[in-house]
Protein backbone atom coordinates (compact mmCIF):
# COMPACT_ATOMS: atom_id res chain seq x y z
CA MET A 1 3.24 -23.09 10.20
CA MET A 2 -0.40 -23.70 9.30
CA ASN A 3 -1.49 -20.69 11.42
CA ALA A 4 1.01 -18.24 9.68
CA MET A 5 -0.34 -19.71 6.53
CA LEU A 6 -3.96 -19.05 7.48
CA ARG A 7 -3.11 -15.75 8.72
CA MET A 8 -1.39 -14.83 5.49
CA LEU A 9 -4.27 -15.93 3.66
CA MET A 10 -6.71 -13.95 5.52
CA VAL A 11 -4.45 -10.86 5.16
CA VAL A 12 -4.55 -11.38 1.41
CA MET A 13 -8.20 -11.95 1.24
CA LEU A 14 -8.88 -8.84 3.33
CA LEU A 15 -6.54 -6.57 1.15
CA ALA A 16 -8.14 -8.13 -2.09
CA ILE A 17 -11.92 -6.95 -1.12
CA GLY A 18 -10.62 -3.98 0.84
CA LEU A 19 -12.44 -4.40 4.22
CA GLU A 20 -10.90 -1.76 6.52
CA ARG A 21 -11.16 2.11 7.22
CA GLY A 22 -12.16 3.76 4.21
CA CYS A 23 -14.71 1.23 2.96
CA GLY A 24 -18.37 2.69 2.98
CA GLU A 25 -16.80 6.36 2.83
CA GLU A 26 -16.83 7.00 -0.73
CA VAL A 27 -14.00 9.08 -2.11
CA ASP A 28 -14.57 11.17 -5.04
CA ILE A 29 -11.15 10.20 -7.01
CA THR A 30 -11.78 12.97 -9.85
CA THR A 31 -11.04 15.64 -7.09
CA MET A 32 -8.07 13.93 -5.34
CA ARG A 33 -4.92 15.94 -5.61
CA ALA A 34 -3.16 14.21 -2.68
CA VAL A 35 -3.12 10.54 -1.23
CA PRO A 36 -4.99 10.98 2.06
CA PRO A 37 -3.02 11.04 5.01
CA GLY A 38 -2.84 8.05 7.45
CA ASN A 39 -1.61 4.59 7.27
CA TYR A 40 -1.82 1.94 4.53
CA LEU A 41 -1.25 -1.74 4.72
CA CYS A 42 0.34 -2.79 1.26
CA ASN A 43 0.99 -6.20 0.13
CA LEU A 44 4.01 -5.90 -2.15
CA ARG A 45 6.25 -8.48 -4.13
CA ILE A 46 10.07 -7.49 -3.05
CA HIS A 47 12.71 -9.55 -4.18
CA GLY A 48 10.46 -12.25 -5.26
CA LYS A 49 8.85 -12.48 -1.82
CA GLU A 50 5.27 -11.44 -0.74
CA GLU A 51 5.71 -8.72 1.98
CA LEU A 52 3.37 -6.81 4.26
CA LEU A 53 4.45 -3.12 4.71
CA ASN A 54 2.53 -0.35 6.41
CA PHE A 55 3.40 3.01 5.24
CA GLU A 56 2.46 6.09 7.10
CA VAL A 57 1.39 8.89 4.65
CA LYS A 58 2.15 12.88 5.29
CA GLY A 59 1.58 15.20 2.48
CA THR A 60 3.61 13.76 -0.35
CA GLU A 61 5.58 11.62 1.76
CA LEU A 62 5.63 7.79 2.62
CA LEU A 63 7.29 6.16 5.37
CA CYS A 64 7.35 2.54 6.17
CA VAL A 65 6.49 2.15 9.84
CA ASN A 66 6.06 -1.43 10.18
CA ALA A 67 6.89 -4.71 8.19
CA LYS A 68 6.77 -8.24 8.29
CA GLU A 69 10.50 -8.07 6.94
CA LYS A 70 12.13 -5.66 9.73
CA GLY A 71 14.64 -4.66 7.12
CA MET A 72 12.04 -2.64 5.35
CA ILE A 73 11.17 -0.40 8.14
CA GLY A 74 12.48 2.88 7.37
CA LEU A 75 11.59 2.63 3.54
CA ARG A 76 10.83 5.94 2.32
CA GLY A 77 9.10 7.27 -0.72
CA LYS A 78 7.27 10.26 -2.38
CA THR A 79 3.98 10.67 -4.48
CA HIS A 80 3.22 12.90 -7.25
CA TRP A 81 -0.20 13.53 -8.33
CA ILE A 82 -0.99 12.29 -11.99
CA GLY A 83 -4.75 12.64 -11.97
CA ASN A 84 -8.12 11.14 -11.21
CA GLY A 85 -6.75 9.24 -8.15
CA VAL A 86 -3.72 8.08 -9.75
CA PHE A 87 -0.52 8.83 -8.07
CA MET A 88 3.16 7.79 -9.04
CA THR A 89 4.95 6.62 -6.15
CA ARG A 90 8.95 6.33 -5.88
CA LEU A 91 10.10 3.90 -2.98
CA GLU A 92 13.70 3.69 -2.00
CA GLY A 93 15.60 2.05 0.91
CA GLY A 94 18.44 -0.09 1.38
CA ASP A 95 18.81 -2.31 -2.00
CA TYR A 96 15.08 -1.62 -2.83
CA VAL A 97 14.11 0.89 -5.49
CA ALA A 98 10.45 0.80 -7.11
CA THR A 99 8.51 3.10 -9.21
CA GLN A 100 4.70 2.40 -8.79
CA PHE A 101 1.43 3.89 -9.69
CA TRP A 102 -1.09 3.97 -6.98
CA VAL A 103 -4.50 3.77 -8.37
CA PHE A 104 -7.42 4.75 -6.11
CA SER A 105 -10.95 3.44 -6.19
CA LYS A 106 -13.88 5.31 -4.56
CA ASP A 107 -13.80 3.03 -1.54
CA GLY A 108 -10.40 4.52 -0.63
CA THR A 109 -8.35 1.28 -1.68
CA ALA A 110 -5.54 1.63 -4.13
CA VAL A 111 -4.29 -0.83 -6.41
CA ILE A 112 -0.60 -0.71 -6.84
CA LYS A 113 1.06 -1.27 -10.10
CA GLU A 114 4.74 -1.66 -10.49
CA VAL A 115 6.83 -0.37 -13.18
CA PRO A 116 7.50 -2.72 -15.17
CA ASP A 117 4.09 -4.56 -14.31
CA ARG A 118 4.77 -8.38 -13.70
CA GLY A 119 1.10 -9.02 -13.05
CA GLU A 120 1.60 -8.78 -9.22
CA LYS A 121 -1.72 -8.47 -7.15
CA GLN A 122 -0.62 -5.55 -4.94
CA ARG A 123 -2.96 -3.00 -3.09
CA ALA A 124 -2.96 -0.13 -0.53
CA VAL A 125 -5.81 -0.27 2.16
CA PRO A 126 -6.19 2.37 4.77
CA VAL A 127 -5.99 1.14 8.15
CA THR A 128 -5.55 2.52 11.71
CA GLY A 129 -1.97 2.95 13.20
CA GLU A 130 0.94 0.76 12.37
CA THR A 131 -1.02 -2.75 12.04
CA LEU A 132 -0.04 -5.52 9.94
CA ASP A 133 -3.24 -7.59 10.89
CA LYS A 134 -5.87 -6.19 8.32
């Protein structure tokens, strides 16, 4: 139990400071018209619980390819460009539906704000493959 708690704390810390692929490579958010393709590790608050989900992004489509809660695998979403590195994302699957804004930073990570915003600290961090480890 203690190892799981320490691992979760490490993951949250890594997400908070954005240590993964993309850091060091500056992104010009003023010219972003699409979420860069690839995988993103997201910490989301779903049904009152902190969850880790790995989304694969292709074009405007998101697909959850791995998750701590296996019932979330297959969750789908679609992004819509708002401007200056901001995208509205709609996620749907099972009994979960959410509208979010992904606000990208020049380090390639994104702060995720839910609608309505309840003050959650949620992020999307570029990762390699379907990992839940970083």
